C-alpha atoms as a PDB file:
ATOM      1  CA  UNK A   1     -64.586 -15.902  10.434  1.00  0.00           C
ATOM      2  CA  UNK A   2     -64.547 -17.679   7.065  1.00  0.00           C
ATOM      3  CA  UNK A   3     -62.702 -14.759   5.485  1.00  0.00           C
ATOM      4  CA  UNK A   4     -60.081 -14.794   8.250  1.00  0.00           C
ATOM      5  CA  UNK A   5     -59.627 -18.534   7.844  1.00  0.00           C
ATOM      6  CA  UNK A   6     -59.211 -18.215   4.074  1.00  0.00           C
ATOM      7  CA  UNK A   7     -56.695 -15.388   4.454  1.00  0.00           C
ATOM      8  CA  UNK A   8     -54.649 -17.508   6.864  1.00  0.00           C
ATOM      9  CA  UNK A   9     -54.815 -20.505   4.524  1.00  0.00           C
ATOM     10  CA  UNK A  10     -53.690 -18.260   1.669  1.00  0.00           C
ATOM     11  CA  UNK A  11     -50.767 -16.968   3.726  1.00  0.00           C
ATOM     12  CA  UNK A  12     -49.674 -20.526   4.576  1.00  0.00           C
ATOM     13  CA  UNK A  13     -49.942 -21.449   0.884  1.00  0.00           C
ATOM     14  CA  UNK A  14     -47.830 -18.411  -0.041  1.00  0.00           C
ATOM     15  CA  UNK A  15     -45.256 -19.346   2.604  1.00  0.00           C
ATOM     16  CA  UNK A  16     -44.909 -22.821   1.123  1.00  0.00           C
ATOM     17  CA  UNK A  17     -44.674 -21.436  -2.411  1.00  0.00           C
ATOM     18  CA  UNK A  18     -41.859 -19.190  -1.175  1.00  0.00           C
ATOM     19  CA  UNK A  19     -40.119 -22.174   0.437  1.00  0.00           C
ATOM     20  CA  UNK A  20     -40.458 -24.020  -2.890  1.00  0.00           C
ATOM     21  CA  UNK A  21     -38.672 -21.150  -4.652  1.00  0.00           C
ATOM     22  CA  UNK A  22     -35.919 -21.010  -2.035  1.00  0.00           C
ATOM     23  CA  UNK A  23     -35.292 -24.743  -2.021  1.00  0.00           C
ATOM     24  CA  UNK A  24     -35.684 -25.477  -5.727  1.00  0.00           C
ATOM     25  CA  UNK A  25     -34.232 -22.392  -7.398  1.00  0.00           C
ATOM     26  CA  UNK A  26     -32.285 -20.305  -4.874  1.00  0.00           C
ATOM     27  CA  UNK A  27     -30.633 -22.989  -2.727  1.00  0.00           C
ATOM     28  CA  UNK A  28     -27.128 -22.258  -4.015  1.00  0.00           C
ATOM     29  CA  UNK A  29     -27.621 -18.490  -4.039  1.00  0.00           C
ATOM     30  CA  UNK A  30     -27.512 -16.092  -1.092  1.00  0.00           C
ATOM     31  CA  UNK A  31     -31.199 -16.436  -0.014  1.00  0.00           C
ATOM     32  CA  UNK A  32     -31.057 -20.240   0.004  1.00  0.00           C
ATOM     33  CA  UNK A  33     -27.686 -20.403   1.705  1.00  0.00           C
ATOM     34  CA  UNK A  34     -28.928 -17.925   4.296  1.00  0.00           C
ATOM     35  CA  UNK A  35     -31.845 -20.231   5.024  1.00  0.00           C
ATOM     36  CA  UNK A  36     -29.677 -23.325   5.361  1.00  0.00           C
ATOM     37  CA  UNK A  37     -26.522 -21.743   6.740  1.00  0.00           C
ATOM     38  CA  UNK A  38     -24.501 -23.804   4.247  1.00  0.00           C
ATOM     39  CA  UNK A  39     -21.374 -22.631   2.470  1.00  0.00           C
ATOM     40  CA  UNK A  40     -21.269 -22.797  -1.335  1.00  0.00           C
ATOM     41  CA  UNK A  41     -19.814 -26.328  -1.439  1.00  0.00           C
ATOM     42  CA  UNK A  42     -22.389 -27.781   0.948  1.00  0.00           C
ATOM     43  CA  UNK A  43     -25.221 -25.967  -0.847  1.00  0.00           C
ATOM     44  CA  UNK A  44     -24.051 -27.471  -4.149  1.00  0.00           C
ATOM     45  CA  UNK A  45     -23.824 -30.952  -2.616  1.00  0.00           C
ATOM     46  CA  UNK A  46     -27.278 -30.757  -1.039  1.00  0.00           C
ATOM     47  CA  UNK A  47     -29.089 -28.981  -3.899  1.00  0.00           C
ATOM     48  CA  UNK A  48     -30.850 -32.135  -5.184  1.00  0.00           C
ATOM     49  CA  UNK A  49     -32.152 -32.902  -1.681  1.00  0.00           C
ATOM     50  CA  UNK A  50     -33.308 -29.319  -1.214  1.00  0.00           C
ATOM     51  CA  UNK A  51     -35.072 -29.367  -4.588  1.00  0.00           C
ATOM     52  CA  UNK A  52     -36.932 -32.501  -3.519  1.00  0.00           C
ATOM     53  CA  UNK A  53     -37.999 -30.805  -0.286  1.00  0.00           C
ATOM     54  CA  UNK A  54     -39.066 -27.762  -2.279  1.00  0.00           C
ATOM     55  CA  UNK A  55     -41.239 -29.905  -4.495  1.00  0.00           C
ATOM     56  CA  UNK A  56     -43.053 -31.281  -1.460  1.00  0.00           C
ATOM     57  CA  UNK A  57     -43.614 -27.745  -0.189  1.00  0.00           C
ATOM     58  CA  UNK A  58     -45.091 -26.925  -3.578  1.00  0.00           C
ATOM     59  CA  UNK A  59     -47.523 -29.813  -3.225  1.00  0.00           C
ATOM     60  CA  UNK A  60     -48.614 -28.421   0.147  1.00  0.00           C
ATOM     61  CA  UNK A  61     -49.148 -24.978  -1.388  1.00  0.00           C
ATOM     62  CA  UNK A  62     -51.092 -26.466  -4.312  1.00  0.00           C
ATOM     63  CA  UNK A  63     -53.332 -28.449  -1.968  1.00  0.00           C
ATOM     64  CA  UNK A  64     -54.090 -25.366   0.095  1.00  0.00           C
ATOM     65  CA  UNK A  65     -54.924 -23.342  -3.029  1.00  0.00           C
ATOM     66  CA  UNK A  66     -57.174 -26.199  -4.147  1.00  0.00           C
ATOM     67  CA  UNK A  67     -58.948 -25.912  -0.795  1.00  0.00           C
ATOM     68  CA  UNK A  68     -59.432 -22.192  -1.384  1.00  0.00           C
ATOM     69  CA  UNK A  69     -60.938 -22.548  -4.859  1.00  0.00           C
ATOM     70  CA  UNK A  70     -62.955 -25.764  -4.460  1.00  0.00           C
ATOM     71  CA  UNK A  71     -66.549 -25.920  -3.281  1.00  0.00           C
ATOM     72  CA  UNK A  72     -67.553 -27.548   0.017  1.00  0.00           C
ATOM     73  CA  UNK A  73     -67.305 -30.244   1.226  1.00  0.00           C
ATOM     74  CA  UNK A  74     -64.099 -30.692  -0.797  1.00  0.00           C
ATOM     75  CA  UNK A  75     -62.794 -27.239   0.175  1.00  0.00           C
ATOM     76  CA  UNK A  76     -63.063 -27.870   3.902  1.00  0.00           C
ATOM     77  CA  UNK A  77     -61.584 -31.362   3.649  1.00  0.00           C
ATOM     78  CA  UNK A  78     -58.666 -30.216   1.482  1.00  0.00           C
ATOM     79  CA  UNK A  79     -57.836 -27.309   3.790  1.00  0.00           C
ATOM     80  CA  UNK A  80     -57.926 -29.516   6.882  1.00  0.00           C
ATOM     81  CA  UNK A  81     -55.897 -32.312   5.286  1.00  0.00           C
ATOM     82  CA  UNK A  82     -53.152 -30.078   3.892  1.00  0.00           C
ATOM     83  CA  UNK A  83     -52.952 -27.917   7.019  1.00  0.00           C
ATOM     84  CA  UNK A  84     -52.550 -31.047   9.154  1.00  0.00           C
ATOM     85  CA  UNK A  85     -49.754 -32.083   6.762  1.00  0.00           C
ATOM     86  CA  UNK A  86     -48.113 -28.666   7.222  1.00  0.00           C
ATOM     87  CA  UNK A  87     -48.303 -28.936  11.014  1.00  0.00           C
ATOM     88  CA  UNK A  88     -46.953 -32.493  11.089  1.00  0.00           C
ATOM     89  CA  UNK A  89     -44.124 -31.573   8.707  1.00  0.00           C
ATOM     90  CA  UNK A  90     -43.315 -28.542  10.855  1.00  0.00           C
ATOM     91  CA  UNK A  91     -43.213 -30.561  14.054  1.00  0.00           C
ATOM     92  CA  UNK A  92     -41.058 -33.238  12.428  1.00  0.00           C
ATOM     93  CA  UNK A  93     -38.728 -30.639  10.931  1.00  0.00           C
ATOM     94  CA  UNK A  94     -38.390 -28.915  14.299  1.00  0.00           C
ATOM     95  CA  UNK A  95     -37.597 -32.217  15.995  1.00  0.00           C
ATOM     96  CA  UNK A  96     -35.080 -33.403  13.409  1.00  0.00           C
ATOM     97  CA  UNK A  97     -33.584 -30.382  11.647  1.00  0.00           C
ATOM     98  CA  UNK A  98     -34.097 -26.970  13.264  1.00  0.00           C
ATOM     99  CA  UNK A  99     -36.368 -25.773  16.055  1.00  0.00           C
ATOM    100  CA  UNK A 100     -37.109 -22.568  14.120  1.00  0.00           C
ATOM    101  CA  UNK A 101     -39.291 -24.660  11.820  1.00  0.00           C
ATOM    102  CA  UNK A 102     -41.791 -25.023  14.653  1.00  0.00           C
ATOM    103  CA  UNK A 103     -42.450 -21.277  14.614  1.00  0.00           C
ATOM    104  CA  UNK A 104     -41.916 -20.697  10.894  1.00  0.00           C
ATOM    105  CA  UNK A 105     -44.041 -23.585   9.604  1.00  0.00           C
ATOM    106  CA  UNK A 106     -46.007 -25.457  12.270  1.00  0.00           C
ATOM    107  CA  UNK A 107     -47.368 -22.395  14.094  1.00  0.00           C
ATOM    108  CA  UNK A 108     -48.822 -20.657  11.005  1.00  0.00           C
ATOM    109  CA  UNK A 109     -50.299 -23.974   9.896  1.00  0.00           C
ATOM    110  CA  UNK A 110     -51.830 -24.592  13.319  1.00  0.00           C
ATOM    111  CA  UNK A 111     -53.320 -21.081  13.450  1.00  0.00           C
ATOM    112  CA  UNK A 112     -54.837 -21.486   9.994  1.00  0.00           C
ATOM    113  CA  UNK A 113     -56.155 -24.942  10.915  1.00  0.00           C
ATOM    114  CA  UNK A 114     -57.773 -23.586  14.074  1.00  0.00           C
ATOM    115  CA  UNK A 115     -59.391 -20.782  12.068  1.00  0.00           C
ATOM    116  CA  UNK A 116     -60.706 -23.216   9.440  1.00  0.00           C
ATOM    117  CA  UNK A 117     -62.186 -25.461  12.125  1.00  0.00           C
ATOM    118  CA  UNK A 118     -63.726 -22.528  14.015  1.00  0.00           C
ATOM    119  CA  UNK A 119     -65.240 -21.120  10.816  1.00  0.00           C
ATOM    120  CA  UNK A 120     -67.016 -24.389  10.104  1.00  0.00           C
END
């Protein structure tokens, strides 16, 4: 079960690294505009905000990777803390921005969190 939990944590970390890339570097290009649904002018106007969001997603990814490489009890605590952050951010994003975020962010985070807790 520990291997499954770590794979899920790694996938959530990779997802947030991908979101970082989209929001920080590709926001004004086709992949970023496809994510936001913004036209070129709106993407340009919101690029600094998106980059800030991307940075936060990078922090989530970094924390999850830290949890994967650290030794216990730090590893367990880091994974739980950052996965809870992912779930809360996903729920908030779904409530305030787009309901798709619930499935795209909160659900993977919740599944990984459940696996980490069950593997304990």
